[in-house]
Protein backbone atom coordinates (compact mmCIF):
# COMPACT_ATOMS: atom_id res chain seq x y z
CA MET A 1 -21.18 16.86 -8.76
CA THR A 2 -24.27 16.76 -10.98
CA ALA A 3 -26.03 13.52 -11.93
CA ALA A 4 -25.07 14.07 -15.58
CA ARG A 5 -21.42 14.45 -14.68
CA GLN A 6 -21.53 11.36 -12.48
CA ASP A 7 -23.09 9.29 -15.27
CA ARG A 8 -20.52 10.59 -17.74
CA ASN A 9 -17.67 9.68 -15.39
CA ASP A 10 -19.12 6.25 -14.65
CA GLY A 11 -19.71 5.44 -18.30
CA ARG A 12 -16.73 6.86 -20.15
CA ALA A 13 -13.91 7.41 -17.68
CA GLY A 14 -14.59 4.64 -15.18
CA ALA A 15 -12.97 1.56 -16.70
CA GLY A 16 -9.93 3.16 -18.28
CA ILE A 17 -9.25 5.55 -15.40
CA THR A 18 -9.60 2.71 -12.89
CA VAL A 19 -6.96 0.61 -14.65
CA ILE A 20 -4.50 3.50 -15.01
CA ILE A 21 -4.93 4.74 -11.45
CA ALA A 22 -4.65 1.21 -10.07
CA THR A 23 -1.50 0.55 -12.10
CA LEU A 24 0.04 3.77 -10.80
CA SER A 25 -0.78 2.73 -7.25
CA MET A 26 1.13 -0.52 -7.79
CA PHE A 27 4.53 1.23 -7.67
CA GLY A 28 4.75 0.67 -3.93
CA PRO A 29 4.19 -3.09 -3.68
CA PHE A 30 6.11 -3.80 -6.88
CA SER A 31 9.14 -1.96 -5.54
CA ILE A 32 8.93 -3.79 -2.21
CA ASP A 33 8.05 -7.33 -3.22
CA THR A 34 9.78 -7.92 -6.56
CA VAL A 35 13.23 -8.01 -4.94
CA PHE A 36 12.31 -10.42 -2.13
CA PRO A 37 13.36 -13.60 -3.98
CA ALA A 38 16.78 -12.02 -4.65
CA PHE A 39 17.58 -11.25 -1.00
CA ASP A 40 19.70 -14.37 -0.50
CA GLN A 41 21.60 -13.80 -3.75
CA MET A 42 22.15 -10.10 -3.00
CA GLY A 43 23.20 -10.86 0.57
CA ARG A 44 25.83 -13.34 -0.60
CA GLN A 45 27.20 -10.92 -3.20
CA PHE A 46 27.37 -8.00 -0.76
CA GLY A 47 28.51 -10.16 2.16
CA VAL A 48 25.69 -9.11 4.53
CA SER A 49 23.18 -10.94 6.72
CA VAL A 50 19.45 -11.47 6.22
CA VAL A 51 18.74 -8.85 8.90
CA ALA A 52 20.91 -6.32 7.02
CA MET A 53 19.02 -7.06 3.81
CA GLN A 54 15.77 -6.08 5.57
CA GLN A 55 17.08 -2.50 5.42
CA VAL A 56 16.60 -2.62 1.63
CA THR A 57 12.89 -2.58 2.44
CA SER A 58 12.90 -0.29 5.46
CA VAL A 59 14.91 2.58 3.89
CA TYR A 60 12.62 2.47 0.87
CA LEU A 61 9.52 2.71 3.05
CA LEU A 62 10.97 5.45 5.26
CA SER A 63 11.96 7.66 2.30
CA PHE A 64 8.56 6.95 0.74
CA ALA A 65 6.92 8.14 3.96
CA ILE A 66 8.92 11.37 4.26
CA MET A 67 8.41 12.36 0.62
CA SER A 68 4.73 11.43 0.79
CA LEU A 69 4.22 14.58 2.86
CA LEU A 70 5.02 16.65 -0.24
CA HIS A 71 3.50 14.73 -3.14
CA GLY A 72 -0.11 15.47 -2.24
CA PRO A 73 0.23 19.15 -1.30
CA ILE A 74 2.30 19.88 -4.41
CA SER A 75 -0.37 18.21 -6.55
CA ASP A 76 -2.98 20.44 -4.85
CA ALA A 77 -0.99 23.42 -6.13
CA VAL A 78 0.24 22.42 -9.62
CA GLY A 79 -2.14 19.62 -10.61
CA ARG A 80 -1.97 15.84 -10.37
CA LYS A 81 -0.34 14.94 -13.71
CA PRO A 82 2.89 17.00 -13.48
CA VAL A 83 3.78 15.44 -10.13
CA ILE A 84 3.15 11.91 -11.44
CA ILE A 85 5.18 12.52 -14.60
CA VAL A 86 8.23 13.84 -12.72
CA GLY A 87 7.90 11.10 -10.12
CA THR A 88 7.76 8.23 -12.60
CA LEU A 89 10.83 9.52 -14.47
CA MET A 90 12.76 9.85 -11.20
CA TYR A 91 11.63 6.36 -10.22
CA ALA A 92 12.96 4.92 -13.48
CA ALA A 93 16.33 6.64 -13.00
CA ALA A 94 16.59 5.41 -9.39
CA SER A 95 15.82 1.85 -10.52
CA VAL A 96 18.70 2.03 -13.01
CA GLY A 97 20.95 3.13 -10.13
CA CYS A 98 19.82 0.12 -8.08
CA ALA A 99 20.62 -2.23 -10.96
CA LEU A 100 24.15 -0.81 -11.23
CA SER A 101 24.89 -0.91 -7.48
CA VAL A 102 28.08 -2.73 -6.45
CA ASN A 103 27.57 -2.80 -2.67
CA LEU A 104 24.80 -2.49 -0.08
CA PRO A 105 25.36 1.20 0.82
CA MET A 106 25.12 2.18 -2.86
CA LEU A 107 21.96 0.12 -3.26
CA LEU A 108 20.41 1.73 -0.18
CA ILE A 109 21.06 5.22 -1.57
CA PHE A 110 19.19 4.45 -4.77
CA ARG A 111 16.43 2.66 -2.83
CA VAL A 112 15.94 5.94 -0.95
CA LEU A 113 15.52 7.73 -4.29
CA GLN A 114 13.10 5.02 -5.42
CA GLY A 115 11.04 5.52 -2.29
CA MET A 116 11.01 9.30 -2.67
CA SER A 117 9.53 9.03 -6.16
CA ALA A 118 7.21 5.99 -5.95
CA GLY A 119 4.58 7.86 -3.94
CA SER A 120 3.83 10.18 -6.85
CA GLY A 121 1.60 7.51 -8.30
CA GLN A 122 0.35 5.64 -5.25
CA ILE A 123 -0.60 8.68 -3.17
CA ILE A 124 -1.96 11.01 -5.82
CA SER A 125 -4.10 8.27 -7.39
CA ARG A 126 -6.25 8.24 -4.22
CA ALA A 127 -6.86 11.98 -4.48
CA MET A 128 -7.75 11.56 -8.16
CA ILE A 129 -10.47 9.06 -7.30
CA ARG A 130 -12.13 11.59 -5.01
CA ASP A 131 -11.63 14.35 -7.63
CA LEU A 132 -13.71 12.33 -10.09
CA PHE A 133 -16.37 10.59 -8.01
CA ASP A 134 -18.72 11.13 -5.06
CA GLY A 135 -20.45 8.92 -2.48
CA PRO A 136 -21.01 5.24 -3.31
CA ALA A 137 -19.35 5.72 -6.72
CA ALA A 138 -16.14 6.88 -5.02
CA GLN A 139 -16.27 3.96 -2.58
CA ARG A 140 -16.91 1.56 -5.45
CA LEU A 141 -13.98 2.86 -7.50
CA MET A 142 -11.67 2.85 -4.45
CA ALA A 143 -12.58 -0.81 -3.93
CA GLN A 144 -12.07 -1.62 -7.63
CA VAL A 145 -8.67 0.05 -7.60
CA MET A 146 -7.76 -1.93 -4.50
CA MET A 147 -8.78 -5.14 -6.32
CA ILE A 148 -6.29 -4.42 -9.10
CA PHE A 149 -3.74 -3.08 -6.63
CA SER A 150 -4.10 -6.31 -4.64
CA VAL A 151 -2.68 -8.35 -7.50
CA ALA A 152 0.69 -6.56 -7.29
CA PRO A 153 2.02 -8.15 -4.08
CA ALA A 154 1.20 -11.60 -5.46
CA LEU A 155 2.67 -11.00 -8.90
CA ALA A 156 5.76 -9.08 -7.80
CA PRO A 157 7.71 -11.85 -5.98
CA ILE A 158 6.61 -14.40 -8.58
CA ILE A 159 7.94 -12.16 -11.37
CA GLY A 160 11.11 -11.59 -9.34
CA GLY A 161 11.59 -15.34 -8.97
CA TRP A 162 11.10 -15.91 -12.69
CA MET A 163 13.59 -13.17 -13.54
CA LEU A 164 16.22 -14.78 -11.34
CA GLY A 165 15.88 -17.78 -13.63
CA LEU A 166 16.91 -15.52 -16.53
CA GLY A 167 19.79 -13.71 -14.85
CA SER A 168 21.15 -12.26 -11.63
CA TRP A 169 19.36 -9.82 -9.32
CA PRO A 170 20.00 -6.55 -11.31
CA ILE A 171 17.52 -7.73 -13.96
CA ILE A 172 14.73 -7.09 -11.44
CA PHE A 173 15.62 -3.41 -11.18
CA TRP A 174 15.91 -3.08 -14.97
CA PHE A 175 12.33 -4.34 -15.11
CA LEU A 176 11.26 -1.72 -12.55
CA ALA A 177 12.99 1.00 -14.58
CA ALA A 178 11.03 -0.03 -17.67
CA TYR A 179 7.83 -0.04 -15.61
CA GLY A 180 8.50 3.56 -14.56
CA VAL A 181 9.03 4.70 -18.16
CA VAL A 182 5.86 2.97 -19.35
CA MET A 183 3.76 4.52 -16.60
CA CYS A 184 5.17 7.96 -17.40
CA LEU A 185 4.03 7.56 -21.03
CA VAL A 186 0.61 6.24 -19.95
CA THR A 187 0.16 9.24 -17.67
CA VAL A 188 1.13 11.72 -20.37
CA PHE A 189 -1.14 10.26 -23.06
CA GLY A 190 -3.91 8.42 -21.20
CA LEU A 191 -4.68 10.18 -17.93
CA PRO A 192 -6.74 13.38 -17.67
CA GLU A 193 -5.90 16.18 -15.24
CA THR A 194 -8.48 15.81 -12.46
CA HIS A 195 -7.54 18.90 -10.43
CA PRO A 196 -8.37 22.01 -12.53
CA PRO A 197 -6.52 25.34 -12.07
CA ALA A 198 -9.55 26.97 -10.42
CA ALA A 199 -9.41 24.46 -7.56
CA ARG A 200 -5.66 24.73 -6.95
CA SER A 201 -3.94 26.37 -4.00
CA PRO A 202 -0.89 28.63 -4.28
CA LEU A 203 2.47 26.85 -4.39
CA ARG A 204 4.00 28.37 -1.26
CA LEU A 205 5.95 26.44 1.35
CA GLY A 206 4.15 28.10 4.23
CA ARG A 207 0.75 27.28 2.80
CA LEU A 208 1.74 23.69 2.04
CA THR A 209 3.07 23.24 5.57
CA HIS A 210 -0.05 24.84 7.05
CA GLY A 211 -2.23 22.40 5.10
CA LEU A 212 -0.31 19.39 6.39
CA VAL A 213 -0.42 20.68 9.96
CA GLU A 214 -4.15 21.32 9.68
CA VAL A 215 -4.73 17.75 8.51
CA GLY A 216 -2.32 16.21 11.01
CA ARG A 217 -3.86 17.91 14.05
CA HIS A 218 -7.44 16.95 13.17
CA GLY A 219 -8.56 14.46 15.81
CA THR A 220 -10.97 12.52 13.61
CA PHE A 221 -8.38 12.21 10.85
CA VAL A 222 -5.75 10.95 13.29
CA ARG A 223 -8.11 8.27 14.62
CA LEU A 224 -8.99 7.10 11.11
CA ALA A 225 -5.39 7.19 9.90
CA MET A 226 -4.15 5.15 12.87
CA ALA A 227 -7.06 2.70 12.62
CA SER A 228 -6.28 2.19 8.94
CA SER A 229 -2.51 1.91 9.43
CA LEU A 230 -2.62 -0.44 12.42
CA GLY A 231 -5.30 -2.63 10.84
CA PHE A 232 -3.24 -2.85 7.65
CA ALA A 233 -0.13 -3.68 9.70
CA GLY A 234 -1.74 -6.94 10.81
CA GLN A 235 -1.52 -8.09 7.19
CA PHE A 236 1.51 -6.12 6.02
CA LEU A 237 3.74 -7.65 8.68
CA TYR A 238 3.56 -10.87 6.65
CA VAL A 239 4.47 -8.98 3.48
CA VAL A 240 7.67 -7.37 4.82
CA ALA A 241 8.64 -10.55 6.66
CA ALA A 242 8.08 -12.72 3.56
CA PRO A 243 11.78 -13.43 2.85
CA ILE A 244 12.13 -14.84 6.38
CA VAL A 245 8.72 -16.54 6.49
CA VAL A 246 8.99 -18.31 3.14
CA VAL A 247 12.66 -19.29 3.18
CA ARG A 248 13.45 -19.81 6.87
CA LEU A 249 10.16 -20.64 8.62
CA LEU A 250 8.46 -22.54 5.80
CA GLY A 251 11.72 -23.94 4.37
CA LYS A 252 10.91 -23.01 0.77
CA GLY A 253 12.96 -21.50 -2.06
CA GLU A 254 13.20 -18.48 -4.36
CA GLN A 255 10.38 -19.71 -6.60
CA ASP A 256 7.95 -20.41 -3.76
CA PHE A 257 6.83 -16.95 -2.60
CA TRP A 258 3.50 -17.55 -4.31
CA MET A 259 2.59 -19.97 -1.51
CA LEU A 260 2.26 -17.02 0.88
CA PHE A 261 1.23 -14.25 -1.47
CA VAL A 262 -1.40 -15.89 -3.68
CA PRO A 263 -3.74 -16.83 -0.76
CA MET A 264 -3.20 -13.44 0.87
CA ILE A 265 -3.97 -11.55 -2.32
CA GLY A 266 -6.94 -13.82 -2.93
CA GLY A 267 -8.30 -12.60 0.40
CA MET A 268 -7.69 -8.97 -0.57
CA LEU A 269 -9.42 -9.45 -3.92
CA LEU A 270 -12.45 -11.04 -2.29
CA GLY A 271 -12.70 -8.27 0.32
CA SER A 272 -12.32 -5.50 -2.27
CA PHE A 273 -14.82 -7.16 -4.63
CA SER A 274 -17.35 -7.49 -1.81
CA ASN A 275 -16.93 -3.83 -0.86
CA SER A 276 -17.37 -2.75 -4.47
CA ARG A 277 -20.53 -4.84 -4.94
CA LEU A 278 -22.08 -3.69 -1.67
CA ALA A 279 -21.27 0.03 -2.07
CA GLY A 280 -24.51 2.02 -1.93
CA ARG A 281 -26.46 -0.95 -0.57
CA VAL A 282 -24.69 -1.43 2.77
CA ALA A 283 -23.35 1.49 4.78
CA GLY A 284 -19.61 1.93 4.46
CA THR A 285 -19.27 2.10 8.23
CA THR A 286 -20.96 -1.30 8.53
CA LEU A 287 -18.58 -2.80 5.96
CA ALA A 288 -15.61 -1.38 7.85
CA THR A 289 -16.85 -2.84 11.13
CA VAL A 290 -17.35 -6.25 9.55
CA GLY A 291 -13.88 -5.98 8.02
CA PHE A 292 -12.15 -5.22 11.31
CA THR A 293 -14.11 -7.98 13.07
CA THR A 294 -13.06 -10.44 10.36
CA ALA A 295 -9.40 -9.42 10.68
CA VAL A 296 -9.40 -9.85 14.48
CA ALA A 297 -11.17 -13.23 14.29
CA ALA A 298 -8.68 -14.38 11.65
CA GLY A 299 -5.84 -13.17 13.88
CA VAL A 300 -7.12 -15.31 16.75
CA LEU A 301 -7.32 -18.31 14.39
CA ASN A 302 -3.79 -17.54 13.25
CA VAL A 303 -2.47 -17.66 16.81
CA ALA A 304 -4.29 -20.93 17.48
CA VAL A 305 -2.89 -22.57 14.34
CA SER A 306 0.60 -21.25 15.01
CA ALA A 307 0.56 -22.67 18.55
CA LEU A 308 -0.01 -26.22 17.31
CA PRO A 309 2.86 -28.69 17.80
CA GLY A 310 5.24 -28.70 14.84
CA ALA A 311 3.89 -25.46 13.34
CA PRO A 312 4.07 -24.15 10.67
CA HIS A 313 1.94 -26.48 8.59
CA LEU A 314 0.86 -25.74 5.03
CA PRO A 315 -1.78 -24.77 3.99
CA TRP A 316 -2.85 -23.64 7.50
CA ALA A 317 0.16 -21.37 7.90
CA VAL A 318 -1.06 -19.13 5.04
CA LEU A 319 -4.84 -19.47 5.49
CA ALA A 320 -5.25 -17.09 8.43
CA PRO A 321 -3.11 -14.30 6.87
CA ALA A 322 -5.37 -14.55 3.83
CA LEU A 323 -8.45 -14.05 6.01
CA ILE A 324 -6.79 -11.09 7.74
CA ALA A 325 -6.20 -9.59 4.29
CA LEU A 326 -9.88 -10.13 3.41
CA GLY A 327 -10.97 -8.14 6.47
CA VAL A 328 -8.52 -5.32 5.76
CA ALA A 329 -9.65 -5.02 2.15
CA LEU A 330 -13.30 -4.93 3.20
CA ALA A 331 -12.66 -2.02 5.59
CA PHE A 332 -10.00 -0.04 3.73
CA PRO A 333 -12.07 1.83 1.07
CA THR A 334 -14.46 3.27 3.66
CA LEU A 335 -11.61 4.60 5.79
CA GLN A 336 -9.87 6.11 2.75
CA ILE A 337 -12.97 7.95 1.56
CA SER A 338 -13.81 9.13 5.09
CA MET A 339 -10.36 10.68 5.52
CA LEU A 340 -10.46 12.44 2.14
CA ASP A 341 -13.97 13.77 2.80
CA LEU A 342 -12.75 15.59 5.90
CA PHE A 343 -10.74 17.97 3.66
CA PRO A 344 -12.56 18.50 0.32
CA ARG A 345 -10.16 21.28 -0.77
CA GLN A 346 -7.02 19.58 0.53
CA ARG A 347 -7.42 16.01 -0.66
CA GLY A 348 -3.79 15.81 -1.72
CA SER A 349 -2.65 16.82 1.75
CA ALA A 350 -5.05 14.36 3.36
CA ALA A 351 -3.83 11.53 1.10
CA SER A 352 -0.22 12.46 1.91
CA MET A 353 -0.73 12.47 5.68
CA GLN A 354 -2.57 9.15 5.60
CA SER A 355 0.19 7.59 3.50
CA PHE A 356 2.87 9.09 5.74
CA THR A 357 1.29 7.55 8.84
CA GLN A 358 0.98 4.14 7.22
CA LEU A 359 4.43 4.18 5.62
CA VAL A 360 6.27 5.17 8.79
CA LEU A 361 4.64 2.24 10.54
CA ASN A 362 5.47 -0.03 7.58
CA ALA A 363 9.12 1.05 7.72
CA ILE A 364 9.22 0.21 11.43
CA LEU A 365 7.65 -3.17 10.65
CA ALA A 366 10.30 -3.93 8.02
CA GLY A 367 13.38 -2.65 9.82
CA LEU A 368 12.63 -3.37 13.49
CA VAL A 369 9.54 -5.47 14.15
CA ALA A 370 9.90 -8.19 11.50
CA PRO A 371 13.47 -9.20 12.46
CA LEU A 372 12.44 -9.35 16.14
CA VAL A 373 9.25 -11.43 15.82
CA THR A 374 10.12 -13.92 13.08
CA GLY A 375 11.90 -16.34 15.38
CA SER A 376 8.74 -18.46 15.22
CA VAL A 377 5.35 -18.41 13.50
CA LEU A 378 3.67 -18.02 16.91
CA HIS A 379 5.53 -14.79 17.71
CA LEU A 380 4.65 -13.48 14.25
CA ALA A 381 0.98 -14.41 14.67
CA LEU A 382 0.72 -12.78 18.12
CA THR A 383 2.24 -9.54 16.82
CA SER A 384 -0.10 -9.51 13.82
CA LEU A 385 -3.11 -10.02 16.11
CA GLY A 386 -1.97 -7.15 18.32
CA PHE A 387 -1.98 -4.76 15.36
CA SER A 388 -5.42 -5.95 14.20
CA VAL A 389 -6.90 -5.49 17.67
CA ALA A 390 -5.41 -1.99 17.99
CA GLY A 391 -6.86 -0.94 14.64
CA SER A 392 -10.25 -2.38 15.52
CA LEU A 393 -10.35 -0.56 18.88
CA LEU A 394 -9.54 2.76 17.22
CA TRP A 395 -12.28 2.22 14.64
CA THR A 396 -14.75 1.43 17.44
CA TRP A 397 -13.69 4.63 19.22
CA HIS A 398 -14.21 6.59 16.00
CA ARG A 399 -17.70 5.19 15.44
CA ARG A 400 -18.78 5.98 19.00
CA SER A 401 -17.38 9.52 19.05
CA THR A 402 -18.33 10.67 15.53
CA PRO A 403 -21.78 11.03 13.92
CA ILE A 404 -22.20 8.32 11.31
CA VAL A 405 -21.90 9.50 7.73
CA ARG A 406 -23.11 6.93 5.24
CA HIS A 407 -21.10 6.52 2.02
C-alpha cells in the first residue's frame, strides 16, 4: 500500500468505515446478550429450566462457529459486500422466526439460523480492516473497532431489560430483526467493496476447503488462534454465565445486568483505547504480553476476592472481571492482525478459522462449562483464571518460537 493510499484511507474512509464495520461486528454480542434478561420469562412460558435455557446461547454459538468456516472463504471468492448483504437479510428473517416461536425447540431452530447468518458481518469485517490498512494503521483501526464493539455487550442486556418493560420477550427479537434490515441497507449504500475482483479466488468447493485446511494446519496460526480464544474465554465465561451470575449469585433482577456488564465493557474500552493510542509507538507484541499479564493478575485477584467469606460482594465481584476484560482488549488487536498477516491472499479464510476456533470454545462455555461452574463465584473465578493462564502460556510459547514481527 502506497503512502498516498494510506493517507487517503486514514483521512476519508477511516471514521465512517470504522463505525460501519464496528456496527456490523456487533451482531454477535447483540444476538447473545439482548435476550439474557428474558431467560426467566421465556423459561416459565416454555416450561424449561435455567440450564435448558442456556442452550439458547450454545446452539447459536455452535451454528455461528460452523458457518463461520464458509463466510470468509466465500467472501474471498465473490467479494465482501455480497456475503454481508445476504447474511444480514437472513439474520433479519431468522429473528422474526425467533419472535414467533411457541416452544423451545422452535426457538432453537431459528437461533441456529441466526447464528449461521450473524457471522457475515462479524467475521468479514475483520478481513475488511486488513484489506484497507497496513501496519500500525491496521492495528489502530482494529483497536478502534473493538472499542465500539465493546459497547455492545453492555448495551444489549440493558436494552433487553428496557424492552421487557414495554412488552413480553418476543419484542427483543423484533428489535434484532429491525437491526438486521438496517445493517443490510447501510452495507448496500454506505460500505465500499474492499476486495476487488483481481484479488479474488475462484469459487470452487475444493479450493475453499483447501484454503481452510492450509490455514488450520499452520502451526503458528493454531498457536495464535488458541491463545486468543483461551485468553478471551477468561472474560467471556462471565458473559455467557451472566443470567446465572446476575440473578442467582448476585441476587439481582432483569433490570440489573448493567452491574456486571458496564464495568466489564469499561475495561474493554480502556484496553482498546490504550492499544489504539500506543499503536506504532509500542510494539504490538509488547502490548499483547502486557495484556495477557494483566488478565492473569486480574484472574488471581478474582479468585482471592471470590474466596472471601460471604462472597460475592459488590462492587468487588465485578471489579476483577473488568480488569480481565482490560487485559484481553489490550492484547486482542495484535493477535488478530498477526493471524491475518500469515495469509495475505486468504484473509477471509484466516478470519473464518480464527472465529471458528473461538466460537466453538464459546459454545462449550455456554452449554457445558457455565452450568457446571456457576455453583459459586469461587468456582467461576478459578475456571476463568485457568483459561487466562492457558492463553498466556500459549502466547509466551509463540513469542519464544517465532521471530518477532513489529506491528
